[in-house]
Each structure stands twice: as structure tokens, then as C-alpha cells.
């Protein structure tokens, strides 16, 4: 009788429904935050993390990871002002960089019925430097090998046996199968507008 050694394969693509993720309240103001995905070292040190902030009231404050750089992307609802003092406007489809221990968001009081949604990508430059990239995907797109996650705003995207639609995300394995990296997952898109974590 011979014994076989089990060699685990790469982790499967994970489908994440953003609305179903646990949420916690902001440090101040009205709204909440949901952690979508990220990568941490063996000792628990942050490499990068993607969060969804949903602002319901005129103001909201989110505590950010220390020693990290941050990239924000507006993905839904009324435009928000970012930062203390003379705030910079963040509207849908816009990406901007932010530095600070707290993220201050403000929005018009007249649009209080609809949530403002902002994706926040935090990364420690010494360990990881991912970026947020908006893109339109059709058919069998060629994606960068270092895509970490795909957040679908509209349409449909399939990869690695999972399919995501609006307000869902595909979190890709750290090591995609095959020599082609993420292309080995067989990505197929149907008129999709997405925001990707790349790098």
C-alpha cells in the first residue's frame, strides 16, 4: 500500500454579496462600514484592505488603519465631500487619494433618503501598493495578472466558477491557476461596469 501526499490547490474565487456582509457603525455620524476583503501577513499585519462605507446622514467619520495610504472611489448615491475644512467632492466614478487617521465624509442634507457609497482601499506601502481601477468588461476580457478583486457595479462577471452581479464582488485567489495568472480563471463578462483592485 502506498501513501499519497495531499497538495492543496489554489483557493477558489470567492463570491461576496456586499449587502450581506457584517456592518459596523462609523466612529461618528450616520452610516456604517463593511469589510469586503484584504490581505494580512502571518503576524496579522495589514498589507491591504477594501471596505465599503455607506453614508446615510449628512456626516460620517471612519477610523482608518494607521501607517496606511488610502484610495477612495465613489460607487453610488449623492456626491460626498471628503476631508475637513474645504472638502474635495467625490462623485460616482471618481477616484482620489487620501491621507489621515480619520476619513471625514459630508453630503447634502436634501438627499438623505439615498445612501452614498464609497469604497475605501487602504494599503501599507512597504507591503503592498494596489490601485482602484474602473473598467468596462465584455466577453472574455484580458485582465492584469495581479487583479485581487472585482466589484461589479452593473452587468455580470464570472470567474473561477463564481458569477457576480451588481453590488457583488469576486475575490480572486492569491495565486490564480495556470501560467496566465488570472486569465486561467476563465473570466467572462456580460456588459459589466466594474471596479477592480489591481496590484
N, C-alpha and C. Protein backbone atom coordinates (compact mmCIF):
# COMPACT_ATOMS: atom_id res chain seq x y z
N UNK A 1 0.86 -1.19 0.00
CA UNK A 1 0.00 0.00 0.00
C UNK A 1 0.89 1.24 0.00
N UNK A 2 0.58 2.16 -0.88
CA UNK A 2 1.36 3.39 -0.96
C UNK A 2 0.58 4.53 -0.35
N UNK A 3 1.30 5.52 0.13
CA UNK A 3 0.66 6.70 0.71
C UNK A 3 0.82 7.87 -0.24
N UNK A 4 -0.19 8.70 -0.28
CA UNK A 4 -0.17 9.86 -1.16
C UNK A 4 -0.09 11.13 -0.32
N UNK A 5 0.62 12.08 -0.83
CA UNK A 5 0.72 13.38 -0.16
C UNK A 5 -0.28 14.34 -0.78
N UNK A 6 -1.11 14.93 0.06
CA UNK A 6 -2.12 15.87 -0.44
C UNK A 6 -1.47 17.24 -0.63
N UNK A 7 -1.56 17.76 -1.84
CA UNK A 7 -1.05 19.09 -2.14
C UNK A 7 -2.24 19.98 -2.44
N UNK A 8 -2.55 20.92 -1.54
CA UNK A 8 -3.73 21.77 -1.77
C UNK A 8 -3.57 22.63 -3.01
N UNK A 9 -4.65 22.78 -3.76
CA UNK A 9 -4.66 23.64 -4.93
C UNK A 9 -4.95 25.06 -4.51
N UNK A 10 -4.97 25.97 -5.46
CA UNK A 10 -5.24 27.37 -5.15
C UNK A 10 -6.67 27.54 -4.62
N UNK A 11 -6.86 28.53 -3.77
CA UNK A 11 -8.18 28.79 -3.22
C UNK A 11 -9.13 29.18 -4.34
N UNK A 12 -10.40 28.81 -4.24
CA UNK A 12 -11.36 29.17 -5.29
C UNK A 12 -11.69 30.66 -5.25
N UNK A 13 -12.23 31.14 -6.36
CA UNK A 13 -12.73 32.52 -6.40
C UNK A 13 -13.91 32.61 -5.44
N UNK A 14 -13.94 33.65 -4.63
CA UNK A 14 -14.99 33.79 -3.62
C UNK A 14 -15.99 34.86 -4.04
N UNK A 15 -17.26 34.49 -4.08
CA UNK A 15 -18.34 35.43 -4.37
C UNK A 15 -18.77 36.10 -3.07
N UNK A 16 -18.79 37.43 -3.07
CA UNK A 16 -19.16 38.19 -1.88
C UNK A 16 -20.31 39.13 -2.23
N UNK A 17 -21.42 38.98 -1.54
CA UNK A 17 -22.56 39.89 -1.70
C UNK A 17 -22.38 41.02 -0.69
N UNK A 18 -22.15 42.22 -1.21
CA UNK A 18 -21.81 43.33 -0.32
C UNK A 18 -22.91 43.61 0.69
N UNK A 19 -24.16 43.46 0.29
CA UNK A 19 -25.27 43.75 1.20
C UNK A 19 -25.33 42.75 2.36
N UNK A 20 -24.77 41.57 2.19
CA UNK A 20 -24.84 40.54 3.23
C UNK A 20 -23.67 40.59 4.21
N UNK A 21 -22.67 41.41 3.93
CA UNK A 21 -21.50 41.47 4.81
C UNK A 21 -21.87 42.10 6.15
N UNK A 22 -21.25 41.64 7.24
CA UNK A 22 -21.50 42.29 8.54
C UNK A 22 -21.11 43.76 8.47
N UNK A 23 -21.83 44.58 9.20
CA UNK A 23 -21.54 46.01 9.17
C UNK A 23 -21.33 46.52 10.59
N UNK A 24 -20.51 47.56 10.69
CA UNK A 24 -20.31 48.21 11.99
C UNK A 24 -20.52 49.71 11.79
N UNK A 25 -20.91 50.37 12.85
CA UNK A 25 -21.17 51.79 12.77
C UNK A 25 -19.90 52.60 12.59
N UNK A 26 -20.05 53.78 12.03
CA UNK A 26 -18.92 54.69 11.90
C UNK A 26 -18.55 55.25 13.26
N UNK A 27 -17.34 55.83 13.36
CA UNK A 27 -16.89 56.42 14.61
C UNK A 27 -17.83 57.55 15.03
N UNK A 28 -18.32 58.30 14.06
CA UNK A 28 -19.26 59.38 14.32
C UNK A 28 -20.14 59.56 13.09
N UNK A 29 -21.33 60.16 13.31
CA UNK A 29 -22.22 60.40 12.18
C UNK A 29 -23.14 59.22 11.91
N UNK A 30 -23.83 59.29 10.79
CA UNK A 30 -24.80 58.26 10.45
C UNK A 30 -24.39 57.43 9.26
N UNK A 31 -24.21 56.16 9.48
CA UNK A 31 -23.82 55.26 8.41
C UNK A 31 -23.06 54.08 8.97
N UNK A 32 -22.52 53.26 8.09
CA UNK A 32 -21.80 52.08 8.54
C UNK A 32 -20.74 51.70 7.52
N UNK A 33 -19.91 50.72 7.88
CA UNK A 33 -18.83 50.25 7.03
C UNK A 33 -18.85 48.73 7.01
N UNK A 34 -18.53 48.16 5.84
CA UNK A 34 -18.45 46.72 5.67
C UNK A 34 -17.07 46.37 5.10
N UNK A 35 -16.41 45.39 5.68
CA UNK A 35 -15.11 44.94 5.19
C UNK A 35 -15.33 43.90 4.09
N UNK A 36 -14.82 44.17 2.89
CA UNK A 36 -15.04 43.29 1.75
C UNK A 36 -13.96 42.22 1.65
N UNK A 37 -12.71 42.62 1.66
CA UNK A 37 -11.62 41.66 1.53
C UNK A 37 -10.30 42.35 1.88
N UNK A 38 -9.23 41.59 1.92
CA UNK A 38 -7.92 42.16 2.20
C UNK A 38 -6.88 41.08 2.34
N UNK A 39 -5.68 41.51 2.67
CA UNK A 39 -4.57 40.57 2.86
C UNK A 39 -3.74 41.02 4.05
N UNK A 40 -3.46 40.06 4.93
CA UNK A 40 -2.68 40.32 6.13
C UNK A 40 -1.50 39.36 6.19
N UNK A 41 -0.43 39.77 6.83
CA UNK A 41 0.75 38.93 6.98
C UNK A 41 0.55 37.87 8.04
N UNK A 42 1.54 37.00 8.19
CA UNK A 42 1.46 35.89 9.15
C UNK A 42 1.29 36.39 10.58
N UNK A 43 1.81 37.57 10.87
CA UNK A 43 1.68 38.13 12.21
C UNK A 43 0.48 39.03 12.39
N UNK A 44 -0.42 39.05 11.40
CA UNK A 44 -1.62 39.87 11.47
C UNK A 44 -1.43 41.29 10.98
N UNK A 45 -0.24 41.61 10.44
CA UNK A 45 -0.01 42.97 9.96
C UNK A 45 -0.73 43.20 8.64
N UNK A 46 -1.33 44.36 8.50
CA UNK A 46 -2.10 44.69 7.31
C UNK A 46 -1.20 44.87 6.10
N UNK A 47 -1.58 44.26 4.98
CA UNK A 47 -0.98 44.56 3.68
C UNK A 47 -1.92 45.49 2.92
N UNK A 48 -3.17 45.04 2.73
CA UNK A 48 -4.17 45.91 2.13
C UNK A 48 -5.56 45.46 2.55
N UNK A 49 -6.54 46.36 2.45
CA UNK A 49 -7.90 46.06 2.86
C UNK A 49 -8.87 46.94 2.06
N UNK A 50 -9.98 46.34 1.62
CA UNK A 50 -11.02 47.06 0.88
C UNK A 50 -12.29 47.08 1.72
N UNK A 51 -12.83 48.29 1.93
CA UNK A 51 -14.04 48.46 2.72
C UNK A 51 -15.09 49.26 1.94
N UNK A 52 -16.34 49.02 2.28
CA UNK A 52 -17.46 49.78 1.71
C UNK A 52 -18.06 50.64 2.80
N UNK A 53 -18.06 51.97 2.58
CA UNK A 53 -18.70 52.90 3.51
C UNK A 53 -20.04 53.32 2.92
N UNK A 54 -21.09 53.22 3.71
CA UNK A 54 -22.43 53.64 3.28
C UNK A 54 -22.88 54.76 4.22
N UNK A 55 -22.94 55.96 3.67
CA UNK A 55 -23.27 57.15 4.46
C UNK A 55 -24.75 57.47 4.30
N UNK A 56 -25.44 57.54 5.43
CA UNK A 56 -26.89 57.75 5.40
C UNK A 56 -27.27 59.19 5.77
N UNK A 57 -26.49 59.81 6.64
CA UNK A 57 -26.81 61.14 7.13
C UNK A 57 -25.84 62.17 6.57
N UNK A 58 -25.99 63.44 6.93
CA UNK A 58 -25.13 64.48 6.35
C UNK A 58 -23.64 64.31 6.63
N UNK A 59 -23.28 63.62 7.73
CA UNK A 59 -21.87 63.48 8.06
C UNK A 59 -21.56 62.07 8.55
N UNK A 60 -20.30 61.68 8.35
CA UNK A 60 -19.83 60.41 8.85
C UNK A 60 -18.33 60.41 8.97
N UNK A 61 -17.80 59.73 10.00
CA UNK A 61 -16.36 59.66 10.22
C UNK A 61 -15.95 58.19 10.39
N UNK A 62 -14.93 57.78 9.62
CA UNK A 62 -14.41 56.42 9.67
C UNK A 62 -12.97 56.44 10.17
N UNK A 63 -12.67 55.59 11.15
CA UNK A 63 -11.29 55.44 11.63
C UNK A 63 -10.54 54.58 10.62
N UNK A 64 -9.35 55.03 10.18
CA UNK A 64 -8.57 54.33 9.17
C UNK A 64 -7.37 53.63 9.78
N UNK A 65 -6.89 52.54 9.14
CA UNK A 65 -5.71 51.85 9.66
C UNK A 65 -4.50 52.78 9.71
N UNK A 66 -3.72 52.70 10.78
CA UNK A 66 -2.53 53.57 10.88
C UNK A 66 -1.45 53.17 9.88
N UNK A 67 -0.60 54.13 9.52
CA UNK A 67 0.54 53.89 8.63
C UNK A 67 0.13 53.36 7.26
N UNK A 68 -1.08 53.67 6.83
CA UNK A 68 -1.57 53.19 5.54
C UNK A 68 -1.89 54.36 4.62
N UNK A 69 -1.80 54.11 3.32
CA UNK A 69 -2.24 55.07 2.31
C UNK A 69 -3.64 54.64 1.86
N UNK A 70 -4.46 55.59 1.44
CA UNK A 70 -5.86 55.29 1.15
C UNK A 70 -6.27 55.82 -0.23
N UNK A 71 -7.08 55.04 -0.92
CA UNK A 71 -7.67 55.45 -2.19
C UNK A 71 -9.17 55.29 -2.06
N UNK A 72 -9.91 56.31 -2.47
CA UNK A 72 -11.37 56.32 -2.35
C UNK A 72 -11.99 56.30 -3.74
N UNK A 73 -13.14 55.63 -3.85
CA UNK A 73 -13.87 55.61 -5.11
C UNK A 73 -15.36 55.72 -4.82
N UNK A 74 -16.02 56.68 -5.48
CA UNK A 74 -17.46 56.80 -5.34
C UNK A 74 -18.15 55.78 -6.23
N UNK A 75 -19.07 55.00 -5.66
CA UNK A 75 -19.75 53.98 -6.48
C UNK A 75 -21.27 54.10 -6.47
N UNK A 76 -21.82 55.03 -5.69
CA UNK A 76 -23.27 55.15 -5.71
C UNK A 76 -23.79 56.26 -4.81
N UNK A 77 -24.98 56.78 -5.15
CA UNK A 77 -25.62 57.79 -4.33
C UNK A 77 -25.07 59.18 -4.57
N UNK A 78 -25.57 60.15 -3.78
CA UNK A 78 -25.15 61.55 -3.94
C UNK A 78 -23.65 61.73 -3.69
N UNK A 79 -23.08 62.72 -4.33
CA UNK A 79 -21.67 63.07 -4.13
C UNK A 79 -21.41 63.40 -2.66
N UNK A 80 -20.21 63.05 -2.19
CA UNK A 80 -19.83 63.39 -0.82
C UNK A 80 -18.61 64.30 -0.84
N UNK A 81 -18.49 65.12 0.20
CA UNK A 81 -17.31 65.92 0.40
C UNK A 81 -16.35 65.16 1.30
N UNK A 82 -15.07 65.14 0.95
CA UNK A 82 -14.07 64.37 1.67
C UNK A 82 -13.09 65.30 2.35
N UNK A 83 -12.86 65.08 3.65
CA UNK A 83 -11.84 65.82 4.37
C UNK A 83 -12.38 66.97 5.18
N UNK A 84 -11.60 67.38 6.18
CA UNK A 84 -12.01 68.55 6.98
C UNK A 84 -11.82 69.85 6.20
N UNK A 85 -12.43 70.90 6.70
CA UNK A 85 -12.27 72.20 6.05
C UNK A 85 -12.91 72.23 4.68
N UNK A 86 -12.20 72.74 3.69
CA UNK A 86 -12.71 72.81 2.32
C UNK A 86 -12.65 71.41 1.71
N UNK A 87 -13.75 70.72 1.76
CA UNK A 87 -13.78 69.33 1.34
C UNK A 87 -13.66 69.20 -0.18
N UNK A 88 -13.05 68.10 -0.61
CA UNK A 88 -12.95 67.76 -2.03
C UNK A 88 -14.15 66.88 -2.39
N UNK A 89 -14.83 67.21 -3.49
CA UNK A 89 -16.00 66.44 -3.88
C UNK A 89 -15.64 65.09 -4.48
N UNK A 90 -16.30 64.05 -4.01
CA UNK A 90 -16.12 62.70 -4.55
C UNK A 90 -17.46 62.23 -5.10
N UNK A 91 -17.55 62.15 -6.43
CA UNK A 91 -18.78 61.70 -7.06
C UNK A 91 -18.57 60.29 -7.60
N UNK A 92 -19.65 59.73 -8.13
CA UNK A 92 -19.57 58.39 -8.72
C UNK A 92 -18.54 58.37 -9.85
N UNK A 93 -17.81 57.25 -9.92
CA UNK A 93 -16.81 57.01 -10.95
C UNK A 93 -15.53 57.83 -10.76
N UNK A 94 -15.41 58.54 -9.64
CA UNK A 94 -14.18 59.30 -9.39
C UNK A 94 -13.33 58.58 -8.34
N UNK A 95 -12.02 58.62 -8.53
CA UNK A 95 -11.07 58.02 -7.58
C UNK A 95 -10.15 59.12 -7.08
N UNK A 96 -9.92 59.16 -5.77
CA UNK A 96 -8.97 60.13 -5.23
C UNK A 96 -8.18 59.51 -4.08
N UNK A 97 -7.01 60.09 -3.82
CA UNK A 97 -6.13 59.61 -2.76
C UNK A 97 -6.37 60.43 -1.50
N UNK A 98 -6.19 59.77 -0.36
CA UNK A 98 -6.47 60.43 0.91
C UNK A 98 -5.45 59.98 1.95
N UNK A 99 -5.03 60.91 2.80
CA UNK A 99 -4.09 60.59 3.88
C UNK A 99 -4.67 61.10 5.19
N UNK A 100 -4.56 60.31 6.24
CA UNK A 100 -5.06 60.73 7.54
C UNK A 100 -5.52 59.54 8.36
N UNK A 101 -5.68 59.76 9.65
CA UNK A 101 -6.11 58.69 10.55
C UNK A 101 -7.62 58.54 10.56
N UNK A 102 -8.34 59.59 10.11
CA UNK A 102 -9.79 59.55 10.07
C UNK A 102 -10.27 60.04 8.71
N UNK A 103 -11.29 59.40 8.20
CA UNK A 103 -11.91 59.82 6.94
C UNK A 103 -13.22 60.54 7.28
N UNK A 104 -13.29 61.82 6.96
CA UNK A 104 -14.49 62.62 7.21
C UNK A 104 -15.27 62.78 5.91
N UNK A 105 -16.54 62.40 5.93
CA UNK A 105 -17.40 62.49 4.76
C UNK A 105 -18.61 63.35 5.08
N UNK A 106 -19.00 64.19 4.11
CA UNK A 106 -20.20 65.02 4.26
C UNK A 106 -20.99 64.98 2.96
N UNK A 107 -22.30 65.11 3.09
CA UNK A 107 -23.14 65.12 1.89
C UNK A 107 -24.35 66.02 2.09
N UNK A 108 -25.02 66.43 0.99
CA UNK A 108 -26.16 67.35 1.11
C UNK A 108 -27.28 66.76 1.95
N UNK A 109 -27.88 67.58 2.79
CA UNK A 109 -28.97 67.11 3.64
C UNK A 109 -30.23 66.80 2.83
N UNK A 110 -30.40 67.44 1.68
CA UNK A 110 -31.62 67.27 0.91
C UNK A 110 -31.73 65.90 0.26
N UNK A 111 -30.63 65.13 0.20
CA UNK A 111 -30.66 63.83 -0.46
C UNK A 111 -30.54 62.69 0.54
N UNK A 112 -31.06 62.91 1.75
CA UNK A 112 -30.83 61.98 2.85
C UNK A 112 -31.46 60.61 2.63
N UNK A 113 -32.43 60.50 1.72
CA UNK A 113 -33.12 59.23 1.55
C UNK A 113 -32.26 58.16 0.88
N UNK A 114 -31.27 58.56 0.09
CA UNK A 114 -30.45 57.62 -0.65
C UNK A 114 -29.05 57.53 -0.06
N UNK A 115 -28.54 56.30 0.11
CA UNK A 115 -27.20 56.11 0.65
C UNK A 115 -26.14 56.60 -0.33
N UNK A 116 -25.08 57.20 0.21
CA UNK A 116 -23.88 57.48 -0.58
C UNK A 116 -22.91 56.34 -0.29
N UNK A 117 -22.38 55.71 -1.35
CA UNK A 117 -21.50 54.55 -1.17
C UNK A 117 -20.10 54.88 -1.68
N UNK A 118 -19.11 54.62 -0.82
CA UNK A 118 -17.71 54.89 -1.14
C UNK A 118 -16.89 53.65 -0.81
N UNK A 119 -16.06 53.22 -1.77
CA UNK A 119 -15.12 52.15 -1.50
C UNK A 119 -13.82 52.77 -1.00
N UNK A 120 -13.25 52.18 0.04
CA UNK A 120 -12.01 52.68 0.64
C UNK A 120 -10.97 51.56 0.59
N UNK A 121 -9.91 51.79 -0.17
CA UNK A 121 -8.80 50.85 -0.27
C UNK A 121 -7.64 51.39 0.56
N UNK A 122 -7.27 50.65 1.61
CA UNK A 122 -6.15 51.05 2.48
C UNK A 122 -5.02 50.06 2.29
N UNK A 123 -3.81 50.56 2.14
CA UNK A 123 -2.66 49.67 1.96
C UNK A 123 -1.43 50.27 2.62
N UNK A 124 -0.56 49.38 3.10
CA UNK A 124 0.71 49.80 3.71
C UNK A 124 1.76 49.75 2.62
N UNK A 125 2.29 50.90 2.18
CA UNK A 125 3.18 50.95 1.02
C UNK A 125 4.37 50.00 1.09
N UNK A 126 4.88 49.73 2.29
CA UNK A 126 6.04 48.84 2.40
C UNK A 126 5.68 47.39 2.08
N UNK A 127 4.36 47.06 2.08
CA UNK A 127 3.94 45.67 1.89
C UNK A 127 3.12 45.45 0.63
N UNK A 128 2.37 46.46 0.21
CA UNK A 128 1.52 46.30 -0.98
C UNK A 128 1.14 47.68 -1.50
N UNK A 129 0.98 47.79 -2.82
CA UNK A 129 0.58 49.06 -3.42
C UNK A 129 -0.51 48.84 -4.47
N UNK A 130 -1.66 48.32 -4.07
CA UNK A 130 -2.74 48.12 -5.03
C UNK A 130 -3.40 49.44 -5.43
N UNK A 131 -4.17 49.40 -6.51
CA UNK A 131 -4.88 50.57 -7.01
C UNK A 131 -6.32 50.20 -7.30
N UNK A 132 -7.20 51.20 -7.36
CA UNK A 132 -8.58 51.01 -7.76
C UNK A 132 -8.74 51.49 -9.20
N UNK A 133 -9.31 50.62 -10.05
CA UNK A 133 -9.42 50.91 -11.48
C UNK A 133 -10.84 50.61 -11.96
N UNK A 134 -11.53 51.63 -12.49
CA UNK A 134 -12.83 51.40 -13.13
C UNK A 134 -12.61 50.84 -14.53
N UNK A 135 -13.48 49.94 -14.96
CA UNK A 135 -13.33 49.36 -16.30
C UNK A 135 -14.67 48.81 -16.79
N UNK A 136 -14.82 48.80 -18.12
CA UNK A 136 -15.95 48.12 -18.76
C UNK A 136 -15.44 46.78 -19.29
N UNK A 137 -16.14 45.69 -18.95
CA UNK A 137 -15.72 44.36 -19.36
C UNK A 137 -16.79 43.72 -20.23
N UNK A 138 -16.34 43.11 -21.34
CA UNK A 138 -17.25 42.42 -22.25
C UNK A 138 -16.59 41.13 -22.72
N UNK A 139 -17.40 40.10 -22.93
CA UNK A 139 -16.89 38.85 -23.47
C UNK A 139 -15.88 38.18 -22.57
N UNK A 140 -14.71 37.84 -23.13
CA UNK A 140 -13.63 37.21 -22.37
C UNK A 140 -12.47 38.20 -22.28
N UNK A 141 -12.55 39.15 -21.35
CA UNK A 141 -11.55 40.22 -21.29
C UNK A 141 -10.19 39.71 -20.81
N UNK A 142 -9.15 40.37 -21.25
CA UNK A 142 -7.80 40.10 -20.76
C UNK A 142 -7.53 41.05 -19.60
N UNK A 143 -7.38 40.51 -18.41
CA UNK A 143 -7.17 41.32 -17.22
C UNK A 143 -5.73 41.22 -16.74
N UNK A 144 -5.25 42.23 -16.01
CA UNK A 144 -3.91 42.12 -15.43
C UNK A 144 -3.81 40.90 -14.52
N UNK A 145 -2.64 40.27 -14.48
CA UNK A 145 -2.48 39.08 -13.65
C UNK A 145 -2.60 39.38 -12.16
N UNK A 146 -2.40 40.65 -11.77
CA UNK A 146 -2.41 40.97 -10.35
C UNK A 146 -3.74 41.58 -9.89
N UNK A 147 -4.85 41.23 -10.56
CA UNK A 147 -6.17 41.64 -10.08
C UNK A 147 -6.48 40.86 -8.81
N UNK A 148 -6.86 41.55 -7.75
CA UNK A 148 -7.16 40.91 -6.46
C UNK A 148 -8.65 40.74 -6.23
N UNK A 149 -9.45 41.69 -6.74
CA UNK A 149 -10.89 41.64 -6.52
C UNK A 149 -11.58 42.44 -7.61
N UNK A 150 -12.81 42.04 -7.93
CA UNK A 150 -13.62 42.73 -8.93
C UNK A 150 -14.97 43.05 -8.29
N UNK A 151 -15.26 44.32 -8.11
CA UNK A 151 -16.55 44.76 -7.58
C UNK A 151 -17.43 45.14 -8.76
N UNK A 152 -18.57 44.50 -8.89
CA UNK A 152 -19.45 44.71 -10.04
C UNK A 152 -20.46 45.81 -9.71
N UNK A 153 -20.48 46.84 -10.57
CA UNK A 153 -21.47 47.91 -10.42
C UNK A 153 -22.70 47.63 -11.26
N UNK A 154 -22.52 47.04 -12.44
CA UNK A 154 -23.64 46.68 -13.30
C UNK A 154 -23.19 45.55 -14.21
N UNK A 155 -24.16 44.83 -14.77
CA UNK A 155 -23.83 43.70 -15.62
C UNK A 155 -23.51 42.45 -14.82
N UNK A 156 -22.66 41.59 -15.43
CA UNK A 156 -22.38 40.28 -14.82
C UNK A 156 -20.96 39.88 -15.16
N UNK A 157 -20.24 39.33 -14.17
CA UNK A 157 -18.88 38.84 -14.37
C UNK A 157 -18.75 37.46 -13.75
N UNK A 158 -18.18 36.51 -14.50
CA UNK A 158 -17.93 35.15 -14.00
C UNK A 158 -16.44 34.89 -14.01
N UNK A 159 -15.96 34.21 -12.97
CA UNK A 159 -14.54 33.83 -12.88
C UNK A 159 -14.39 32.69 -11.89
N UNK A 160 -13.62 31.68 -12.27
CA UNK A 160 -13.32 30.59 -11.35
C UNK A 160 -14.54 29.87 -10.81
N UNK A 161 -15.61 29.79 -11.60
CA UNK A 161 -16.80 29.07 -11.18
C UNK A 161 -17.81 29.90 -10.40
N UNK A 162 -17.56 31.19 -10.19
CA UNK A 162 -18.50 32.07 -9.48
C UNK A 162 -18.93 33.20 -10.40
N UNK A 163 -20.17 33.67 -10.21
CA UNK A 163 -20.72 34.75 -11.01
C UNK A 163 -21.23 35.86 -10.10
N UNK A 164 -20.83 37.11 -10.40
CA UNK A 164 -21.24 38.26 -9.61
C UNK A 164 -22.05 39.22 -10.46
N UNK A 165 -23.07 39.83 -9.86
CA UNK A 165 -23.86 40.88 -10.49
C UNK A 165 -23.73 42.15 -9.64
N UNK A 166 -24.58 43.14 -9.89
CA UNK A 166 -24.45 44.44 -9.23
C UNK A 166 -24.41 44.32 -7.71
N UNK A 167 -23.53 45.08 -7.09
CA UNK A 167 -23.30 45.11 -5.64
C UNK A 167 -22.83 43.75 -5.11
N UNK A 168 -22.08 43.04 -5.95
CA UNK A 168 -21.41 41.81 -5.53
C UNK A 168 -19.95 41.91 -5.97
N UNK A 169 -19.10 41.11 -5.35
CA UNK A 169 -17.68 41.15 -5.67
C UNK A 169 -17.14 39.75 -5.84
N UNK A 170 -16.16 39.62 -6.72
CA UNK A 170 -15.40 38.38 -6.87
C UNK A 170 -14.03 38.63 -6.25
N UNK A 171 -13.71 37.88 -5.21
CA UNK A 171 -12.40 37.98 -4.57
C UNK A 171 -11.56 36.84 -5.12
N UNK A 172 -10.49 37.18 -5.84
CA UNK A 172 -9.71 36.18 -6.55
C UNK A 172 -8.64 35.57 -5.65
N UNK A 173 -8.26 34.32 -5.92
CA UNK A 173 -7.23 33.69 -5.09
C UNK A 173 -5.90 34.41 -5.23
N UNK A 174 -5.08 34.33 -4.18
CA UNK A 174 -3.77 34.99 -4.20
C UNK A 174 -2.91 34.48 -5.35
N UNK A 175 -3.04 33.18 -5.64
CA UNK A 175 -2.29 32.59 -6.75
C UNK A 175 -3.28 31.95 -7.71
N UNK A 176 -3.56 32.66 -8.81
CA UNK A 176 -4.51 32.15 -9.79
C UNK A 176 -3.89 30.97 -10.53
N UNK A 177 -4.69 29.95 -10.89
CA UNK A 177 -4.16 28.77 -11.54
C UNK A 177 -3.65 29.04 -12.94
N UNK A 178 -2.69 28.25 -13.36
CA UNK A 178 -2.20 28.35 -14.73
C UNK A 178 -1.13 29.40 -14.88
N UNK A 179 -0.40 29.30 -15.98
CA UNK A 179 0.69 30.25 -16.21
C UNK A 179 0.18 31.64 -16.52
N UNK A 180 -1.07 31.74 -16.93
CA UNK A 180 -1.61 33.04 -17.32
C UNK A 180 -2.15 33.85 -16.17
N UNK A 181 -1.91 33.41 -14.92
CA UNK A 181 -2.41 34.17 -13.78
C UNK A 181 -3.93 34.18 -13.78
N UNK A 182 -4.52 35.38 -13.64
CA UNK A 182 -5.97 35.50 -13.54
C UNK A 182 -6.67 35.01 -14.81
N UNK A 183 -5.98 35.03 -15.95
CA UNK A 183 -6.59 34.54 -17.19
C UNK A 183 -6.93 33.06 -17.09
N UNK A 184 -6.24 32.33 -16.21
CA UNK A 184 -6.54 30.91 -16.02
C UNK A 184 -7.86 30.66 -15.32
N UNK A 185 -8.51 31.70 -14.81
CA UNK A 185 -9.79 31.55 -14.12
C UNK A 185 -10.96 31.59 -15.09
N UNK A 186 -10.70 31.87 -16.37
CA UNK A 186 -11.78 31.91 -17.35
C UNK A 186 -12.77 33.03 -17.11
N UNK A 187 -12.28 34.27 -17.04
CA UNK A 187 -13.15 35.41 -16.78
C UNK A 187 -14.04 35.68 -18.00
N UNK A 188 -15.34 35.80 -17.75
CA UNK A 188 -16.32 36.10 -18.80
C UNK A 188 -17.23 37.21 -18.28
N UNK A 189 -17.48 38.24 -19.09
CA UNK A 189 -18.28 39.37 -18.65
C UNK A 189 -19.42 39.64 -19.62
N UNK A 190 -20.54 40.11 -19.08
CA UNK A 190 -21.70 40.46 -19.88
C UNK A 190 -22.04 41.92 -19.60
N UNK A 191 -21.54 42.83 -20.49
CA UNK A 191 -21.80 44.27 -20.36
C UNK A 191 -21.63 44.76 -18.92
N UNK A 192 -20.46 44.51 -18.37
CA UNK A 192 -20.22 44.81 -16.97
C UNK A 192 -19.43 46.10 -16.80
N UNK A 193 -19.81 46.88 -15.81
CA UNK A 193 -19.05 48.02 -15.34
C UNK A 193 -18.52 47.63 -13.97
N UNK A 194 -17.21 47.65 -13.80
CA UNK A 194 -16.63 47.12 -12.57
C UNK A 194 -15.59 48.09 -11.99
N UNK A 195 -15.25 47.84 -10.75
CA UNK A 195 -14.11 48.49 -10.10
C UNK A 195 -13.21 47.39 -9.60
N UNK A 196 -11.95 47.40 -10.06
CA UNK A 196 -11.01 46.32 -9.74
C UNK A 196 -9.95 46.80 -8.77
N UNK A 197 -9.55 45.91 -7.87
CA UNK A 197 -8.36 46.11 -7.05
C UNK A 197 -7.21 45.44 -7.80
N UNK A 198 -6.24 46.25 -8.23
CA UNK A 198 -5.14 45.75 -9.06
C UNK A 198 -3.82 46.03 -8.36
N UNK A 199 -2.96 45.01 -8.26
CA UNK A 199 -1.63 45.21 -7.71
C UNK A 199 -1.42 44.51 -6.38
